[in-house]
């Protein structure tokens, strides 16, 4: 499977995760298809480029907190996506943590189901 197909699958997985989060958590509000597309792309960009840089810069904090600070980094990625996307807001720590967990779960499920196919 090519890089474009992998990118489209990851963007679709992020959009599905955001859709589920908006249905499950009252603090997550996303209005319109374009908000899902832009939010998914912003989340993909943040996870691909910003998260590795922030993880390296805050590695001592991640180690001292036994990885708990990594949750803060992931919350920051969702906050970034909400900040750059019109009609996408997240209110409350529970909504942020739930959204982070859903994005992780959906991406993990995608990797489990089609992971071997993606690497060929």
Protein backbone atom coordinates (compact mmCIF):
# COMPACT_ATOMS: atom_id res chain seq x y z
CA UNK A 1 0.00 0.00 0.00
CA UNK A 2 1.42 3.37 -0.98
CA UNK A 3 2.07 6.40 1.13
CA UNK A 4 -0.97 8.21 -0.23
CA UNK A 5 -3.23 5.31 0.71
CA UNK A 6 -1.71 5.20 4.20
CA UNK A 7 -2.18 8.96 4.60
CA UNK A 8 -5.82 8.73 3.52
CA UNK A 9 -6.45 5.85 5.93
CA UNK A 10 -4.91 7.75 8.85
CA UNK A 11 -6.91 10.88 8.00
CA UNK A 12 -10.09 8.80 7.78
CA UNK A 13 -9.30 7.15 11.12
CA UNK A 14 -8.75 10.54 12.75
CA UNK A 15 -12.04 11.81 11.31
CA UNK A 16 -13.89 8.75 12.63
CA UNK A 17 -12.29 9.21 16.05
CA UNK A 18 -13.34 12.87 16.10
CA UNK A 19 -16.87 11.91 15.05
CA UNK A 20 -17.13 9.35 17.86
CA UNK A 21 -15.68 11.84 20.36
CA UNK A 22 -18.20 14.49 19.35
CA UNK A 23 -21.02 12.00 19.90
CA UNK A 24 -19.73 10.63 23.23
CA UNK A 25 -18.49 13.74 25.00
CA UNK A 26 -20.60 16.82 25.53
CA UNK A 27 -17.49 19.00 25.67
CA UNK A 28 -16.48 18.15 22.09
CA UNK A 29 -18.36 20.13 19.47
CA UNK A 30 -17.65 19.73 15.78
CA UNK A 31 -20.02 21.23 13.21
CA UNK A 32 -19.85 20.39 9.53
CA UNK A 33 -17.99 18.00 7.30
CA UNK A 34 -15.24 20.51 6.59
CA UNK A 35 -14.52 20.74 10.33
CA UNK A 36 -13.98 16.97 10.45
CA UNK A 37 -11.70 17.06 7.41
CA UNK A 38 -9.66 20.05 8.59
CA UNK A 39 -9.56 18.73 12.17
CA UNK A 40 -8.38 15.34 10.98
CA UNK A 41 -5.67 16.91 8.82
CA UNK A 42 -4.56 19.20 11.67
CA UNK A 43 -4.43 16.26 14.06
CA UNK A 44 -2.45 14.23 11.53
CA UNK A 45 0.00 17.10 11.03
CA UNK A 46 0.37 17.61 14.77
CA UNK A 47 0.95 13.92 15.42
CA UNK A 48 3.43 13.57 12.56
CA UNK A 49 5.51 16.71 13.06
CA UNK A 50 4.82 18.48 16.35
CA UNK A 51 4.50 15.49 18.69
CA UNK A 52 7.98 14.02 18.01
CA UNK A 53 9.62 17.41 18.53
CA UNK A 54 7.72 18.05 21.76
CA UNK A 55 8.46 14.53 22.99
CA UNK A 56 12.19 15.00 22.49
CA UNK A 57 12.16 18.46 24.07
CA UNK A 58 10.23 17.24 27.11
CA UNK A 59 11.87 13.82 27.41
CA UNK A 60 13.10 14.48 30.98
CA UNK A 61 9.52 15.28 32.07
CA UNK A 62 8.19 12.19 30.29
CA UNK A 63 10.77 10.02 32.07
CA UNK A 64 10.29 11.60 35.52
CA UNK A 65 6.51 11.22 35.31
CA UNK A 66 6.86 7.65 33.97
CA UNK A 67 5.17 8.61 30.72
CA UNK A 68 2.23 10.51 32.20
CA UNK A 69 3.45 13.76 30.63
CA UNK A 70 2.99 12.07 27.24
CA UNK A 71 -0.76 12.39 27.90
CA UNK A 72 -0.28 16.14 28.27
CA UNK A 73 1.52 16.20 24.90
CA UNK A 74 -1.37 14.30 23.30
CA UNK A 75 -3.88 16.70 24.85
CA UNK A 76 -1.82 19.50 23.31
CA UNK A 77 -2.15 17.87 19.88
CA UNK A 78 -5.94 17.78 20.20
CA UNK A 79 -5.92 21.37 21.48
CA UNK A 80 -3.84 22.39 18.45
CA UNK A 81 -6.32 20.71 16.09
CA UNK A 82 -9.23 22.46 17.81
CA UNK A 83 -7.38 25.79 17.68
CA UNK A 84 -6.71 25.72 13.92
CA UNK A 85 -10.05 24.20 12.90
CA UNK A 86 -13.14 26.38 12.60
CA UNK A 87 -16.30 24.98 14.25
CA UNK A 88 -14.28 22.55 16.41
CA UNK A 89 -14.14 23.15 20.15
CA UNK A 90 -13.22 21.04 23.14
CA UNK A 91 -14.21 22.10 26.66
CA UNK A 92 -13.06 20.32 29.80
CA UNK A 93 -10.27 17.99 30.80
CA UNK A 94 -12.50 14.93 30.57
CA UNK A 95 -13.39 15.72 26.97
CA UNK A 96 -9.71 16.18 26.10
CA UNK A 97 -8.65 12.93 27.78
CA UNK A 98 -11.55 11.03 26.21
CA UNK A 99 -10.76 12.41 22.76
CA UNK A 100 -7.09 11.48 23.13
CA UNK A 101 -8.08 7.96 24.20
CA UNK A 102 -10.47 7.58 21.27
CA UNK A 103 -7.95 8.82 18.72
CA UNK A 104 -5.40 6.38 20.12
CA UNK A 105 -7.90 3.50 20.15
CA UNK A 106 -9.13 4.08 16.59
CA UNK A 107 -5.58 4.45 15.23
CA UNK A 108 -4.48 1.34 17.14
CA UNK A 109 -7.43 -0.62 15.72
CA UNK A 110 -6.62 0.56 12.19
CA UNK A 111 -2.98 -0.45 12.61
CA UNK A 112 -4.02 -3.85 14.00
CA UNK A 113 -6.43 -4.57 11.18
CA UNK A 114 -4.44 -3.31 8.21
CA UNK A 115 -0.97 -2.91 9.72
CA UNK A 116 0.60 -5.77 7.79
CA UNK A 117 -0.95 -4.52 4.57
CA UNK A 118 0.39 -1.00 5.12
CA UNK A 119 3.99 -2.16 5.42
CA UNK A 120 4.06 -4.14 2.18
